[in-house]
Structures are given as structure tokens and as C-alpha cells.
């Protein structure tokens, strides 16, 4: 068993260390396998067909930084690691933080937390991403796991670890309540039952707001009746800035 963890001592570096065990009880002496400038988050490691792969977030200034960079390194033995490879991550409007990665049917899958631009890691939500090569990542725009309104995970969803088999996911995750207490929880289910599609209806995008026109309003819809007695019923977003009104 290989156990990787980060160590810092305020000298400007993060030391990625390795412990090994054959019985889960005796882990021997830690070995430093990487020294990386700045802060390093969540070394997520998988082993497949003789190749070790490690993804991590390198942060220039901690959990209030306006950006966090994702990198990949590979190794033949889990000890000697190759150079950093910069990853691309399609997740507009949000900043990547902690993550975990698994390989599922030839596709790299990731559960990660992120916070909105201008916020911090005290305001994170969990998302799902995939990659065919481990370098170019595309995140689903809808959240994977959100905070509950009043439960033990009501204040902040934090780092998770997961297994995936086809479309079935088992997830352990840490979270904080509004009273400031941290716990670890467990949930499971089909991937598509967790993923929420982005908002696309008028009420989801704008809320319960009456539309306006240059004509006097009639009825309760805020739009003038045109060509008959049927009022607008469905609002939806179009690409760009257009709005579709179905009458």
C-alpha cells in the first residue's frame, strides 16, 4: 500500500511524502518524493498498467487565490516522478480546490470542490469532471453535491474520496455545519442522479419576475396578448443573450 501526503514548514515549499506498508499497520519511514514551490493540494494518485499518475492543485497563495493550477505527473515506480504537465480545466466562473481522481472504463473521472470567483475555500460545492487523457478536463456545469439547508453539511462541502464502477459511485466526503463542526459522511448512487443540469428556464435564471414590453400589460404574465387568448407559458434561455417566449 502506498500512502502519499503533503508536508509544509513555511519555507515556501510543499514536500510530497510517501509511506509504504504491506500490512496496513507498519508504515516505515516517510520518503520525500517531490519538492514543489508554494502550496500543493490533494495529491490524487492512481496506478494502471505499470504507470502511476498523480494530479494535484498548486496554489500561489492559499484558498483565497483568484486561480489555482492543476498539474499531472507520472511515474514508473511511484517514487521517481516525471516533470509537471499543466492540465486545462473547463470550469468557468469558479476556482478549483481539492480533488480526487479515478479511472473508469478508460475515462479519467474527477470529483472536486470549487469556489466562486472572488470567494474562498470556505464556500465550496462539489462538481464532476471527465478527461480522456488526464490533461484536458471538462467539468459538468451543474453541481454534483451541494450543501443541505440545515444538516451536518449545511455550511461547506469539502474534500471527497470516491470509487466508481460504471455509473455507480460511492462517496466519502468531509463537510462543515453552520455551527462550525466538521464531520465525514457517506453517500452512494448513480452518477446521473447526483449531477444537476444548469438552470435554463426563465424562473431559474431570473426568478419570479414579470416580463415587460412597450405595451400595457394584460393578465398576470406581464406581456401583451398577441393574436389570440393564449398567454406566454414557457420561458427559456437561448445561446447568447436571447430569450425564447413560447406562445
Protein backbone atom coordinates (compact mmCIF):
# COMPACT_ATOMS: atom_id res chain seq x y z
CA UNK A 1 0.00 0.00 0.00
CA UNK A 2 1.23 3.46 -0.95
CA UNK A 3 0.19 6.49 1.12
CA UNK A 4 1.01 9.99 -0.16
CA UNK A 5 0.64 13.14 1.90
CA UNK A 6 1.80 16.77 1.94
CA UNK A 7 4.06 18.43 4.49
CA UNK A 8 4.83 22.15 4.81
CA UNK A 9 7.11 24.09 7.16
CA UNK A 10 6.57 27.69 5.94
CA UNK A 11 9.77 27.74 3.86
CA UNK A 12 7.84 28.35 0.61
CA UNK A 13 7.74 24.69 -0.46
CA UNK A 14 5.43 21.71 -0.17
CA UNK A 15 7.02 18.29 0.35
CA UNK A 16 5.08 15.35 -1.09
CA UNK A 17 5.94 12.33 1.03
CA UNK A 18 5.36 8.61 0.68
CA UNK A 19 4.77 5.87 3.25
CA UNK A 20 4.57 2.19 2.26
CA UNK A 21 3.12 -0.83 4.06
CA UNK A 22 2.39 -4.49 3.38
CA UNK A 23 0.04 -4.99 6.34
CA UNK A 24 -1.61 -1.58 6.90
CA UNK A 25 -0.09 -1.31 10.39
CA UNK A 26 3.66 -0.80 9.93
CA UNK A 27 4.29 2.13 7.54
CA UNK A 28 8.04 2.51 7.96
CA UNK A 29 9.80 5.84 7.42
CA UNK A 30 8.47 8.64 5.23
CA UNK A 31 10.30 9.32 1.98
CA UNK A 32 10.18 12.70 0.22
CA UNK A 33 9.34 12.08 -3.44
CA UNK A 34 8.72 15.69 -4.59
CA UNK A 35 9.54 19.22 -3.50
CA UNK A 36 7.17 21.74 -5.11
CA UNK A 37 7.07 25.54 -4.69
CA UNK A 38 4.06 27.15 -3.00
CA UNK A 39 1.07 25.24 -1.69
CA UNK A 40 0.04 21.85 -3.06
CA UNK A 41 -3.44 20.41 -2.54
CA UNK A 42 -4.84 16.90 -2.80
CA UNK A 43 -2.30 14.60 -4.42
CA UNK A 44 -4.71 12.17 -6.14
CA UNK A 45 -2.89 9.03 -7.28
CA UNK A 46 -3.96 6.08 -9.42
CA UNK A 47 -1.99 3.07 -10.70
CA UNK A 48 -2.88 1.49 -14.03
CA UNK A 49 -0.89 -0.92 -16.14
CA UNK A 50 2.52 -0.10 -14.75
CA UNK A 51 2.06 3.68 -14.75
CA UNK A 52 1.48 5.81 -11.67
CA UNK A 53 -0.35 9.11 -12.25
CA UNK A 54 -0.68 11.95 -9.76
CA UNK A 55 -2.85 15.06 -10.07
CA UNK A 56 -2.57 17.99 -7.70
CA UNK A 57 -3.54 21.64 -7.38
CA UNK A 58 -0.70 24.12 -6.99
CA UNK A 59 -1.85 27.30 -5.29
CA UNK A 60 0.05 30.61 -5.39
CA UNK A 61 -1.46 31.90 -2.16
CA UNK A 62 -3.86 29.54 -0.43
CA UNK A 63 -7.60 29.26 -0.51
CA UNK A 64 -8.39 32.88 -1.35
CA UNK A 65 -6.37 32.87 -4.59
CA UNK A 66 -8.13 34.02 -7.74
CA UNK A 67 -6.79 30.97 -9.60
CA UNK A 68 -5.43 27.51 -8.79
CA UNK A 69 -3.45 25.47 -11.34
CA UNK A 70 -3.93 21.74 -11.97
CA UNK A 71 -0.94 19.54 -12.83
CA UNK A 72 -0.24 15.90 -13.70
CA UNK A 73 2.93 13.89 -13.09
CA UNK A 74 3.61 10.25 -13.97
CA UNK A 75 5.97 7.63 -12.58
CA UNK A 76 7.08 4.08 -13.34
CA UNK A 77 7.61 3.13 -9.69
CA UNK A 78 5.58 5.62 -7.61
CA UNK A 79 8.80 7.09 -6.19
CA UNK A 80 10.59 8.85 -9.05
CA UNK A 81 8.21 11.28 -10.73
CA UNK A 82 8.48 12.99 -14.09
CA UNK A 83 8.09 16.72 -14.79
CA UNK A 84 4.92 18.69 -14.22
CA UNK A 85 2.40 18.65 -17.05
CA UNK A 86 -0.08 21.53 -16.97
CA UNK A 87 -3.72 20.49 -17.31
CA UNK A 88 -6.55 22.50 -18.82
CA UNK A 89 -9.75 22.70 -16.84
CA UNK A 90 -13.05 23.95 -18.28
CA UNK A 91 -14.94 25.32 -15.27
CA UNK A 92 -15.76 29.00 -15.92
CA UNK A 93 -16.59 31.32 -13.05
CA UNK A 94 -15.23 29.04 -10.35
CA UNK A 95 -11.82 28.25 -8.80
CA UNK A 96 -10.60 24.65 -8.41
CA UNK A 97 -9.60 23.40 -4.94
CA UNK A 98 -9.44 19.80 -3.56
CA UNK A 99 -10.00 16.79 -5.84
CA UNK A 100 -9.93 13.02 -6.24
CA UNK A 101 -9.45 11.05 -9.48
CA UNK A 102 -10.38 7.53 -10.58
CA UNK A 103 -10.09 5.65 -13.88
CA UNK A 104 -13.42 4.23 -15.03
CA UNK A 105 -13.76 2.21 -18.27
CA UNK A 106 -10.86 4.07 -19.87
CA UNK A 107 -12.10 7.53 -18.83
CA UNK A 108 -10.49 9.59 -16.08
CA UNK A 109 -13.17 10.84 -13.70
CA UNK A 110 -12.81 13.51 -11.05
CA UNK A 111 -14.85 14.73 -8.11
CA UNK A 112 -13.61 18.12 -7.00
CA UNK A 113 -14.67 21.12 -4.99
CA UNK A 114 -14.51 24.72 -6.21
CA UNK A 115 -15.50 28.17 -5.02
CA UNK A 116 -16.92 31.12 -6.99
CA UNK A 117 -14.58 33.76 -8.39
CA UNK A 118 -13.91 36.32 -5.68
CA UNK A 119 -14.76 33.93 -2.84
CA UNK A 120 -12.67 31.40 -0.90
CA UNK A 121 -12.42 27.70 0.01
CA UNK A 122 -14.86 28.31 2.85
CA UNK A 123 -17.60 28.44 0.21
CA UNK A 124 -17.20 25.28 -1.85
CA UNK A 125 -19.51 22.98 -3.80
CA UNK A 126 -18.65 19.58 -5.31
CA UNK A 127 -18.57 19.02 -9.10
CA UNK A 128 -17.87 16.17 -11.54
CA UNK A 129 -15.35 16.22 -14.43
CA UNK A 130 -14.03 13.81 -17.07
CA UNK A 131 -10.93 13.54 -19.27
CA UNK A 132 -9.84 11.13 -21.98
CA UNK A 133 -6.11 11.75 -21.50
CA UNK A 134 -5.80 13.08 -17.93
CA UNK A 135 -4.70 16.51 -19.19
CA UNK A 136 -7.75 18.19 -20.75
CA UNK A 137 -10.63 18.21 -18.28
CA UNK A 138 -14.24 19.20 -18.80
CA UNK A 139 -16.45 19.76 -15.78
CA UNK A 140 -20.18 19.26 -15.75
CA UNK A 141 -21.67 22.74 -15.24
CA UNK A 142 -24.20 21.53 -12.69
CA UNK A 143 -23.10 20.71 -9.12
CA UNK A 144 -22.61 17.11 -8.03
CA UNK A 145 -23.13 17.56 -4.27
CA UNK A 146 -24.47 20.70 -2.61
CA UNK A 147 -24.84 21.80 0.98
CA UNK A 148 -28.03 20.87 2.80
CA UNK A 149 -30.21 23.61 4.22
CA UNK A 150 -29.87 22.65 7.89
CA UNK A 151 -27.97 19.35 8.18
CA UNK A 152 -24.47 18.42 9.33
CA UNK A 153 -23.11 19.54 5.93
CA UNK A 154 -25.00 22.84 5.75
CA UNK A 155 -22.06 25.29 5.69
CA UNK A 156 -19.37 23.85 3.42
CA UNK A 157 -18.82 20.72 1.30
CA UNK A 158 -15.11 19.88 1.36
CA UNK A 159 -12.80 17.20 0.01
CA UNK A 160 -14.22 13.83 -1.01
CA UNK A 161 -12.84 10.40 -1.92
CA UNK A 162 -14.80 8.09 -4.19
CA UNK A 163 -14.94 4.82 -6.08
CA UNK A 164 -16.79 4.42 -9.36
CA UNK A 165 -17.97 1.27 -11.14
CA UNK A 166 -19.63 2.07 -14.44
CA UNK A 167 -22.11 4.73 -13.38
CA UNK A 168 -22.36 3.77 -9.70
CA UNK A 169 -20.46 5.99 -7.27
CA UNK A 170 -19.61 5.57 -3.59
CA UNK A 171 -18.52 8.83 -1.99
CA UNK A 172 -16.97 9.73 1.37
CA UNK A 173 -16.74 13.47 1.94
CA UNK A 174 -15.89 15.96 4.64
CA UNK A 175 -18.20 18.88 5.42
CA UNK A 176 -18.88 21.58 7.98
CA UNK A 177 -22.16 22.58 9.63
CA UNK A 178 -23.31 26.15 10.23
CA UNK A 179 -22.33 25.65 13.88
CA UNK A 180 -18.72 25.07 12.78
CA UNK A 181 -18.49 21.32 13.38
CA UNK A 182 -16.67 19.12 10.85
CA UNK A 183 -17.76 15.56 10.05
CA UNK A 184 -17.20 12.88 7.41
CA UNK A 185 -20.22 11.42 5.64
CA UNK A 186 -21.04 8.75 3.09
CA UNK A 187 -23.42 8.67 0.15
CA UNK A 188 -23.87 6.47 -2.91
CA UNK A 189 -25.90 6.23 -6.08
CA UNK A 190 -25.91 6.52 -9.85
CA UNK A 191 -23.76 9.32 -11.24
CA UNK A 192 -26.60 10.91 -13.21
CA UNK A 193 -28.77 11.06 -10.10
CA UNK A 194 -26.19 13.34 -8.47
CA UNK A 195 -25.43 15.64 -11.40
CA UNK A 196 -27.78 18.59 -11.72
CA UNK A 197 -28.18 20.25 -15.08
CA UNK A 198 -27.57 24.01 -15.24
CA UNK A 199 -30.52 26.34 -14.97
CA UNK A 200 -32.15 27.21 -18.28
CA UNK A 201 -35.71 28.32 -17.65
CA UNK A 202 -36.85 31.88 -17.10
CA UNK A 203 -37.76 31.31 -13.45
CA UNK A 204 -34.44 29.53 -12.72
CA UNK A 205 -32.41 32.28 -14.38
CA UNK A 206 -34.37 35.36 -13.34
CA UNK A 207 -36.74 34.29 -10.60
CA UNK A 208 -40.41 35.16 -10.35
CA UNK A 209 -40.18 38.42 -12.28
CA UNK A 210 -42.79 39.81 -14.67
CA UNK A 211 -41.52 40.49 -18.16
CA UNK A 212 -42.09 43.97 -19.60
CA UNK A 213 -42.86 45.34 -23.08
CA UNK A 214 -43.67 48.66 -24.65
CA UNK A 215 -47.38 47.75 -24.49
CA UNK A 216 -49.71 47.90 -21.49
CA UNK A 217 -49.65 44.67 -19.52
CA UNK A 218 -52.67 42.39 -19.54
CA UNK A 219 -53.45 39.43 -17.36
CA UNK A 220 -50.80 38.25 -14.90
CA UNK A 221 -47.96 37.45 -17.26
CA UNK A 222 -46.66 40.95 -17.90
CA UNK A 223 -46.87 40.52 -21.69
CA UNK A 224 -49.46 41.86 -24.09
CA UNK A 225 -51.78 39.27 -25.59
CA UNK A 226 -50.90 38.76 -29.24
CA UNK A 227 -53.12 37.13 -31.81
CA UNK A 228 -55.42 35.22 -29.50
CA UNK A 229 -56.29 34.33 -25.95
CA UNK A 230 -53.19 32.26 -25.13
CA UNK A 231 -50.70 33.97 -22.89
CA UNK A 232 -46.97 33.15 -22.90
CA UNK A 233 -46.42 29.94 -21.00
CA UNK A 234 -42.78 28.88 -21.20
CA UNK A 235 -39.59 30.92 -20.97
CA UNK A 236 -36.20 29.50 -21.86
CA UNK A 237 -32.66 30.70 -22.48
CA UNK A 238 -31.15 30.69 -25.98
CA UNK A 239 -27.46 30.77 -26.82
CA UNK A 240 -26.05 34.24 -26.40
CA UNK A 241 -28.37 36.78 -24.84
CA UNK A 242 -31.67 35.74 -26.44
CA UNK A 243 -34.74 34.58 -24.60
CA UNK A 244 -37.36 32.33 -26.14
CA UNK A 245 -41.01 33.04 -25.34
CA UNK A 246 -43.27 30.17 -26.32
CA UNK A 247 -46.83 31.30 -27.03
